[in-house]
């Protein structure tokens, strides 16, 4: 964690003098790094949820399409050679 904080968040050199000020800068930098990681994890979670919902909707629509075609075939409105895609 120190490597990322030093290279990307200017923790290698303190902005102010004094142990208290350096500690505050360290805590704030750690909070920023944690928020970045949380946002990245939330993005992955959101992408997974979107993928799962898309899959469920696609499956539901496909099943509904098959049921509709079966009903239409039973009434004679659709020919038997029509393929279900």
N, C-alpha and C. Protein backbone atom coordinates (compact mmCIF):
# COMPACT_ATOMS: atom_id res chain seq x y z
N UNK A 1 0.82 -1.18 0.00
CA UNK A 1 0.00 0.00 0.00
C UNK A 1 0.87 1.25 0.00
N UNK A 2 2.00 1.21 0.64
CA UNK A 2 2.85 2.40 0.67
C UNK A 2 3.39 2.74 -0.71
N UNK A 3 3.64 1.72 -1.53
CA UNK A 3 4.17 1.98 -2.87
C UNK A 3 3.21 2.82 -3.69
N UNK A 4 1.93 2.44 -3.70
CA UNK A 4 0.93 3.20 -4.44
C UNK A 4 0.76 4.60 -3.86
N UNK A 5 0.76 4.70 -2.55
CA UNK A 5 0.60 6.01 -1.91
C UNK A 5 1.78 6.93 -2.22
N UNK A 6 2.97 6.35 -2.26
CA UNK A 6 4.14 7.19 -2.53
C UNK A 6 4.19 7.63 -3.98
N UNK A 7 3.91 6.71 -4.89
CA UNK A 7 4.07 7.03 -6.31
C UNK A 7 2.90 7.81 -6.89
N UNK A 8 1.68 7.48 -6.50
CA UNK A 8 0.52 8.08 -7.14
C UNK A 8 -0.17 9.16 -6.29
N UNK A 9 0.12 9.21 -5.01
CA UNK A 9 -0.59 10.15 -4.13
C UNK A 9 0.34 11.05 -3.32
N UNK A 10 1.55 11.21 -3.76
CA UNK A 10 2.53 12.14 -3.21
C UNK A 10 2.74 11.96 -1.71
N UNK A 11 2.77 10.73 -1.26
CA UNK A 11 3.04 10.50 0.15
C UNK A 11 4.54 10.36 0.41
N UNK A 12 5.34 10.31 -0.61
CA UNK A 12 6.79 10.19 -0.44
C UNK A 12 7.38 11.43 0.21
N UNK A 13 6.70 12.55 0.08
CA UNK A 13 7.18 13.79 0.68
C UNK A 13 6.00 14.46 1.38
N UNK A 14 6.20 14.79 2.64
CA UNK A 14 5.11 15.38 3.42
C UNK A 14 4.85 16.82 2.97
N UNK A 15 3.60 17.20 2.97
CA UNK A 15 3.23 18.56 2.58
C UNK A 15 3.50 19.55 3.70
N UNK A 16 3.40 19.09 4.93
CA UNK A 16 3.61 19.97 6.10
C UNK A 16 4.62 19.30 7.04
N UNK A 17 5.13 20.08 7.94
CA UNK A 17 6.09 19.57 8.92
C UNK A 17 5.36 19.15 10.19
N UNK A 18 5.94 18.21 10.88
CA UNK A 18 5.39 17.76 12.16
C UNK A 18 4.74 16.39 12.04
N UNK A 19 4.88 15.65 13.13
CA UNK A 19 4.36 14.28 13.15
C UNK A 19 2.84 14.26 12.98
N UNK A 20 2.13 15.17 13.62
CA UNK A 20 0.67 15.24 13.56
C UNK A 20 0.20 15.51 12.13
N UNK A 21 0.83 16.47 11.46
CA UNK A 21 0.45 16.81 10.09
C UNK A 21 0.75 15.68 9.11
N UNK A 22 1.86 15.00 9.31
CA UNK A 22 2.20 13.85 8.45
C UNK A 22 1.21 12.73 8.67
N UNK A 23 0.80 12.51 9.92
CA UNK A 23 -0.18 11.47 10.22
C UNK A 23 -1.52 11.79 9.54
N UNK A 24 -1.94 13.04 9.60
CA UNK A 24 -3.19 13.43 8.94
C UNK A 24 -3.09 13.19 7.44
N UNK A 25 -1.97 13.58 6.84
CA UNK A 25 -1.79 13.36 5.41
C UNK A 25 -1.82 11.87 5.08
N UNK A 26 -1.22 11.04 5.92
CA UNK A 26 -1.21 9.59 5.70
C UNK A 26 -2.62 9.03 5.78
N UNK A 27 -3.39 9.44 6.78
CA UNK A 27 -4.76 8.93 6.93
C UNK A 27 -5.64 9.35 5.76
N UNK A 28 -5.50 10.61 5.35
CA UNK A 28 -6.31 11.08 4.22
C UNK A 28 -5.93 10.36 2.93
N UNK A 29 -4.64 10.13 2.74
CA UNK A 29 -4.20 9.40 1.55
C UNK A 29 -4.72 7.97 1.56
N UNK A 30 -4.66 7.32 2.73
CA UNK A 30 -5.18 5.96 2.84
C UNK A 30 -6.68 5.93 2.57
N UNK A 31 -7.39 6.94 3.03
CA UNK A 31 -8.83 7.00 2.78
C UNK A 31 -9.11 7.13 1.28
N UNK A 32 -8.33 7.94 0.59
CA UNK A 32 -8.51 8.10 -0.85
C UNK A 32 -8.24 6.79 -1.58
N UNK A 33 -7.16 6.11 -1.21
CA UNK A 33 -6.84 4.82 -1.84
C UNK A 33 -7.95 3.81 -1.59
N UNK A 34 -8.48 3.77 -0.37
CA UNK A 34 -9.57 2.84 -0.06
C UNK A 34 -10.83 3.18 -0.84
N UNK A 35 -11.14 4.46 -0.99
CA UNK A 35 -12.31 4.85 -1.78
C UNK A 35 -12.14 4.47 -3.24
N UNK A 36 -10.93 4.62 -3.77
CA UNK A 36 -10.68 4.20 -5.15
C UNK A 36 -10.90 2.70 -5.31
N UNK A 37 -10.40 1.93 -4.37
CA UNK A 37 -10.58 0.47 -4.44
C UNK A 37 -12.04 0.08 -4.29
N UNK A 38 -12.75 0.77 -3.41
CA UNK A 38 -14.18 0.51 -3.23
C UNK A 38 -14.96 0.83 -4.51
N UNK A 39 -14.62 1.94 -5.15
CA UNK A 39 -15.29 2.31 -6.39
C UNK A 39 -15.01 1.29 -7.49
N UNK A 40 -13.78 0.79 -7.54
CA UNK A 40 -13.43 -0.23 -8.53
C UNK A 40 -14.21 -1.52 -8.28
N UNK A 41 -14.29 -1.93 -7.01
CA UNK A 41 -15.04 -3.14 -6.67
C UNK A 41 -16.53 -2.97 -6.97
N UNK A 42 -17.06 -1.79 -6.70
CA UNK A 42 -18.48 -1.53 -6.99
C UNK A 42 -18.71 -1.58 -8.49
N UNK A 43 -17.75 -1.11 -9.28
CA UNK A 43 -17.88 -1.18 -10.73
C UNK A 43 -17.94 -2.62 -11.21
N UNK A 44 -17.08 -3.48 -10.66
CA UNK A 44 -17.11 -4.90 -11.02
C UNK A 44 -18.44 -5.53 -10.61
N UNK A 45 -18.91 -5.18 -9.41
CA UNK A 45 -20.18 -5.73 -8.94
C UNK A 45 -21.32 -5.27 -9.83
N UNK A 46 -21.32 -3.98 -10.20
CA UNK A 46 -22.37 -3.45 -11.07
C UNK A 46 -22.34 -4.15 -12.43
N UNK A 47 -21.16 -4.38 -12.98
CA UNK A 47 -21.04 -5.07 -14.27
C UNK A 47 -21.58 -6.49 -14.17
N UNK A 48 -21.28 -7.17 -13.07
CA UNK A 48 -21.77 -8.54 -12.89
C UNK A 48 -23.29 -8.56 -12.77
N UNK A 49 -23.85 -7.60 -12.02
CA UNK A 49 -25.32 -7.53 -11.87
C UNK A 49 -25.97 -7.26 -13.22
N UNK A 50 -25.40 -6.32 -14.00
CA UNK A 50 -25.96 -6.03 -15.32
C UNK A 50 -25.93 -7.26 -16.20
N UNK A 51 -24.82 -8.01 -16.17
CA UNK A 51 -24.71 -9.23 -16.97
C UNK A 51 -25.75 -10.26 -16.54
N UNK A 52 -25.93 -10.43 -15.24
CA UNK A 52 -26.91 -11.40 -14.74
C UNK A 52 -28.33 -11.00 -15.12
N UNK A 53 -28.65 -9.72 -15.01
CA UNK A 53 -29.99 -9.25 -15.38
C UNK A 53 -30.22 -9.43 -16.87
N UNK A 54 -29.23 -9.08 -17.68
CA UNK A 54 -29.36 -9.26 -19.13
C UNK A 54 -29.60 -10.73 -19.47
N UNK A 55 -28.87 -11.62 -18.81
CA UNK A 55 -29.04 -13.04 -19.06
C UNK A 55 -30.44 -13.50 -18.67
N UNK A 56 -30.94 -13.03 -17.51
CA UNK A 56 -32.28 -13.44 -17.07
C UNK A 56 -33.35 -12.91 -18.01
N UNK A 57 -33.21 -11.67 -18.45
CA UNK A 57 -34.19 -11.09 -19.37
C UNK A 57 -34.17 -11.84 -20.69
N UNK A 58 -32.97 -12.13 -21.20
CA UNK A 58 -32.88 -12.87 -22.45
C UNK A 58 -33.52 -14.25 -22.33
N UNK A 59 -33.28 -14.90 -21.23
CA UNK A 59 -33.86 -16.23 -21.02
C UNK A 59 -35.38 -16.15 -20.90
N UNK A 60 -35.88 -15.15 -20.17
CA UNK A 60 -37.32 -14.97 -20.01
C UNK A 60 -37.97 -14.67 -21.35
N UNK A 61 -37.37 -13.79 -22.14
CA UNK A 61 -37.94 -13.43 -23.44
C UNK A 61 -37.94 -14.64 -24.36
N UNK A 62 -36.86 -15.41 -24.36
CA UNK A 62 -36.80 -16.61 -25.20
C UNK A 62 -37.89 -17.61 -24.80
N UNK A 63 -38.06 -17.80 -23.50
CA UNK A 63 -39.08 -18.73 -23.03
C UNK A 63 -40.48 -18.22 -23.39
N UNK A 64 -40.71 -16.92 -23.23
CA UNK A 64 -42.01 -16.35 -23.57
C UNK A 64 -42.27 -16.47 -25.07
N UNK A 65 -41.24 -16.29 -25.90
CA UNK A 65 -41.39 -16.41 -27.35
C UNK A 65 -41.76 -17.83 -27.73
N UNK A 66 -41.12 -18.81 -27.08
CA UNK A 66 -41.43 -20.21 -27.38
C UNK A 66 -42.87 -20.51 -26.98
N UNK A 67 -43.29 -20.07 -25.80
CA UNK A 67 -44.66 -20.32 -25.35
C UNK A 67 -45.68 -19.68 -26.29
N UNK A 68 -45.39 -18.47 -26.75
CA UNK A 68 -46.29 -17.79 -27.67
C UNK A 68 -46.39 -18.54 -28.99
N UNK A 69 -45.26 -18.99 -29.54
CA UNK A 69 -45.30 -19.73 -30.79
C UNK A 69 -46.03 -21.06 -30.65
N UNK A 70 -45.85 -21.71 -29.50
CA UNK A 70 -46.56 -22.97 -29.27
C UNK A 70 -48.07 -22.72 -29.24
N UNK A 71 -48.48 -21.63 -28.60
CA UNK A 71 -49.90 -21.29 -28.56
C UNK A 71 -50.43 -20.95 -29.95
N UNK A 72 -49.65 -20.18 -30.70
CA UNK A 72 -50.08 -19.82 -32.05
C UNK A 72 -50.14 -21.04 -32.95
N UNK A 73 -49.20 -21.95 -32.80
CA UNK A 73 -49.23 -23.18 -33.60
C UNK A 73 -50.46 -24.02 -33.27
N UNK A 74 -50.83 -24.05 -32.00
CA UNK A 74 -52.00 -24.85 -31.62
C UNK A 74 -53.30 -24.26 -32.18
N UNK A 75 -53.32 -22.94 -32.39
CA UNK A 75 -54.52 -22.32 -32.98
C UNK A 75 -54.51 -22.39 -34.49
N UNK A 76 -53.36 -22.75 -35.08
CA UNK A 76 -53.26 -22.85 -36.53
C UNK A 76 -52.89 -21.54 -37.21
N UNK A 77 -52.57 -20.52 -36.44
CA UNK A 77 -52.22 -19.23 -37.04
C UNK A 77 -50.78 -19.20 -37.57
N UNK A 78 -49.94 -20.10 -37.07
CA UNK A 78 -48.55 -20.14 -37.50
C UNK A 78 -48.27 -21.52 -38.04
N UNK A 79 -47.57 -21.59 -39.16
CA UNK A 79 -47.26 -22.89 -39.78
C UNK A 79 -46.20 -23.63 -38.96
N UNK A 80 -46.23 -24.93 -39.09
CA UNK A 80 -45.30 -25.75 -38.31
C UNK A 80 -43.86 -25.61 -38.76
N UNK A 81 -43.62 -25.19 -39.99
CA UNK A 81 -42.24 -25.10 -40.47
C UNK A 81 -41.55 -23.83 -39.98
N UNK A 82 -42.24 -22.94 -39.27
CA UNK A 82 -41.63 -21.73 -38.72
C UNK A 82 -40.68 -22.12 -37.59
N UNK A 83 -39.47 -21.67 -37.68
CA UNK A 83 -38.44 -22.05 -36.68
C UNK A 83 -38.52 -21.13 -35.49
N UNK A 84 -38.21 -21.68 -34.33
CA UNK A 84 -38.12 -20.90 -33.10
C UNK A 84 -36.67 -20.54 -32.90
N UNK A 85 -36.38 -19.27 -32.96
CA UNK A 85 -34.99 -18.83 -32.81
C UNK A 85 -34.71 -18.40 -31.39
